[in-house]
Structures are given as structure tokens and as C-alpha cells.
C-alpha atoms as a PDB file:
ATOM      1  CA  MET A   1     -28.776 130.494 -54.461  1.00  0.00           C
ATOM      2  CA  LYS A   2     -26.887 130.179 -51.513  1.00  0.00           C
ATOM      3  CA  LEU A   3     -26.497 132.508 -49.252  1.00  0.00           C
ATOM      4  CA  SER A   4     -23.042 133.580 -49.581  1.00  0.00           C
ATOM      5  CA  ALA A   5     -22.812 133.835 -53.295  1.00  0.00           C
ATOM      6  CA  ILE A   6     -25.429 137.194 -52.835  1.00  0.00           C
ATOM      7  CA  GLU A   7     -23.358 140.738 -53.133  1.00  0.00           C
ATOM      8  CA  ILE A   8     -23.140 143.566 -50.939  1.00  0.00           C
ATOM      9  CA  PRO A   9     -24.869 145.510 -52.757  1.00  0.00           C
ATOM     10  CA  ARG A  10     -28.213 143.423 -52.890  1.00  0.00           C
ATOM     11  CA  PHE A  11     -27.796 143.333 -49.022  1.00  0.00           C
ATOM     12  CA  LEU A  12     -27.648 146.683 -48.849  1.00  0.00           C
ATOM     13  CA  GLN A  13     -30.919 147.179 -50.860  1.00  0.00           C
ATOM     14  CA  VAL A  14     -32.672 144.554 -48.190  1.00  0.00           C
ATOM     15  CA  SER A  15     -32.073 146.486 -45.244  1.00  0.00           C
ATOM     16  CA  SER A  16     -32.799 149.427 -46.389  1.00  0.00           C
ATOM     17  CA  GLY A  17     -35.762 148.896 -47.805  1.00  0.00           C
ATOM     18  CA  LEU A  18     -36.738 147.381 -44.370  1.00  0.00           C
ATOM     19  CA  ILE A  19     -35.342 150.182 -42.379  1.00  0.00           C
ATOM     20  CA  ILE A  20     -36.546 152.839 -44.082  1.00  0.00           C
ATOM     21  CA  LEU A  21     -40.490 150.829 -44.252  1.00  0.00           C
ATOM     22  CA  GLY A  22     -40.202 150.930 -40.381  1.00  0.00           C
ATOM     23  CA  LEU A  23     -39.450 154.254 -39.850  1.00  0.00           C
ATOM     24  CA  LEU A  24     -42.791 154.474 -42.145  1.00  0.00           C
ATOM     25  CA  VAL A  25     -45.085 152.639 -40.288  1.00  0.00           C
ATOM     26  CA  GLU A  26     -43.844 153.854 -37.337  1.00  0.00           C
ATOM     27  CA  ILE A  27     -44.541 157.556 -38.707  1.00  0.00           C
ATOM     28  CA  VAL A  28     -47.572 156.635 -39.372  1.00  0.00           C
ATOM     29  CA  SER A  29     -48.506 155.138 -36.101  1.00  0.00           C
ATOM     30  CA  LEU A  30     -47.338 158.579 -34.735  1.00  0.00           C
ATOM     31  CA  LEU A  31     -50.135 159.972 -36.328  1.00  0.00           C
ATOM     32  CA  TRP A  32     -52.557 157.865 -35.431  1.00  0.00           C
ATOM     33  CA  PHE A  33     -54.379 158.365 -32.204  1.00  0.00           C
ATOM     34  CA  HIS A  34     -55.393 154.978 -31.276  1.00  0.00           C
ATOM     35  CA  PRO A  35     -54.478 152.927 -28.127  1.00  0.00           C
ATOM     36  CA  LEU A  36     -53.247 150.290 -31.034  1.00  0.00           C
ATOM     37  CA  SER A  37     -51.091 153.007 -32.601  1.00  0.00           C
ATOM     38  CA  PHE A  38     -48.419 151.671 -29.838  1.00  0.00           C
ATOM     39  CA  VAL A  39     -48.820 148.292 -31.157  1.00  0.00           C
ATOM     40  CA  LEU A  40     -48.329 148.656 -34.139  1.00  0.00           C
ATOM     41  CA  PHE A  41     -45.323 151.186 -33.332  1.00  0.00           C
ATOM     42  CA  ILE A  42     -43.746 148.963 -31.279  1.00  0.00           C
ATOM     43  CA  PHE A  43     -43.998 145.202 -32.725  1.00  0.00           C
ATOM     44  CA  ALA A  44     -44.527 146.538 -36.473  1.00  0.00           C
ATOM     45  CA  GLY A  45     -42.126 149.413 -36.714  1.00  0.00           C
ATOM     46  CA  ALA A  46     -39.263 148.418 -34.508  1.00  0.00           C
ATOM     47  CA  SER A  47     -39.212 144.937 -35.672  1.00  0.00           C
ATOM     48  CA  LEU A  48     -38.464 145.864 -39.278  1.00  0.00           C
ATOM     49  CA  ILE A  49     -35.792 148.455 -38.038  1.00  0.00           C
ATOM     50  CA  GLY A  50     -34.698 145.624 -36.188  1.00  0.00           C
ATOM     51  CA  LEU A  51     -34.851 142.887 -39.062  1.00  0.00           C
ATOM     52  CA  GLY A  52     -32.936 145.817 -41.609  1.00  0.00           C
ATOM     53  CA  ILE A  53     -30.000 145.983 -38.544  1.00  0.00           C
ATOM     54  CA  VAL A  54     -29.473 142.489 -38.772  1.00  0.00           C
ATOM     55  CA  VAL A  55     -29.842 142.053 -42.712  1.00  0.00           C
ATOM     56  CA  TYR A  56     -26.904 144.581 -42.238  1.00  0.00           C
ATOM     57  CA  LEU A  57     -24.850 142.799 -40.099  1.00  0.00           C
ATOM     58  CA  GLY A  58     -25.642 139.346 -41.775  1.00  0.00           C
ATOM     59  CA  SER A  59     -24.237 141.436 -45.149  1.00  0.00           C
ATOM     60  CA  LEU A  60     -21.055 141.462 -43.385  1.00  0.00           C
ATOM     61  CA  VAL A  61     -20.426 138.287 -42.214  1.00  0.00           C
ATOM     62  CA  PHE A  62     -21.968 136.594 -45.035  1.00  0.00           C
ATOM     63  CA  ALA A  63     -21.513 138.647 -48.558  1.00  0.00           C
ATOM     64  CA  ILE A  64     -19.106 137.678 -51.089  1.00  0.00           C
ATOM     65  CA  SER A  65     -15.422 139.169 -51.581  1.00  0.00           C
ATOM     66  CA  PRO A  66     -13.263 139.273 -54.419  1.00  0.00           C
ATOM     67  CA  PRO A  67     -10.845 137.191 -54.602  1.00  0.00           C
ATOM     68  CA  VAL A  68      -7.372 136.878 -53.458  1.00  0.00           C
ATOM     69  CA  ASP A  69      -4.635 135.791 -55.172  1.00  0.00           C
ATOM     70  CA  GLY A  70      -1.323 134.003 -52.975  1.00  0.00           C
ATOM     71  CA  ARG A  71       0.130 136.938 -52.294  1.00  0.00           C
ATOM     72  CA  GLY A  72      -2.727 138.241 -50.379  1.00  0.00           C
ATOM     73  CA  ARG A  73      -3.918 140.794 -53.063  1.00  0.00           C
ATOM     74  CA  ASN A  74      -7.092 141.463 -54.353  1.00  0.00           C
ATOM     75  CA  ALA A  75      -6.973 139.798 -57.589  1.00  0.00           C
ATOM     76  CA  MET A  76      -9.472 142.593 -59.306  1.00  0.00           C
ATOM     77  CA  THR A  77      -7.922 145.543 -58.746  1.00  0.00           C
ATOM     78  CA  ASP A  78      -3.985 145.347 -58.413  1.00  0.00           C
ATOM     79  CA  ILE A  79      -3.087 145.512 -61.473  1.00  0.00           C
ATOM     80  CA  SER A  80       0.739 145.985 -60.739  1.00  0.00           C
ATOM     81  CA  ASP A  81       1.951 142.687 -62.165  1.00  0.00           C
END
């Protein structure tokens, strides 16, 4: 499957899942009193949130859009003809 053939709802599911997982990792690291909790907070939690943001921004670029007819209108929703 090509990256350009993926629809935007799938991108949004993946990005929201990564952000939620990153927030859960950060919550766990805030409750854990150990020097390694900061490493978990920064490297794991922030990386997952950052990756979720990158996937979301990628969805704005790579997601397919509905086909447009020759007159510049959306062929899927415009039924005025």
C-alpha cells in the first residue's frame, strides 16, 4: 500500500494513539520516584507525543483527497448537475 493511498481517518487514529500513549507514559513517569523516571519522561513520553504530531502533520500532506472534476468542484459531494 502506498503512503498516498491512506485516508486521513487512519492517520488520525495512529497519531491520536501515539499521543495518548505518550501522555500515559508521562503520567507513569511522574508517579514514579526514581532518577530514571526523568529519562522515561523525556525520551519515551516526549518522543511518542512528538511522533504523533509528526504523523498528524504528515496526514495533512499525504492523505488522499476526494476527486475533483474538470470544473474544480468536488465530484463526490457536488450533485448540482
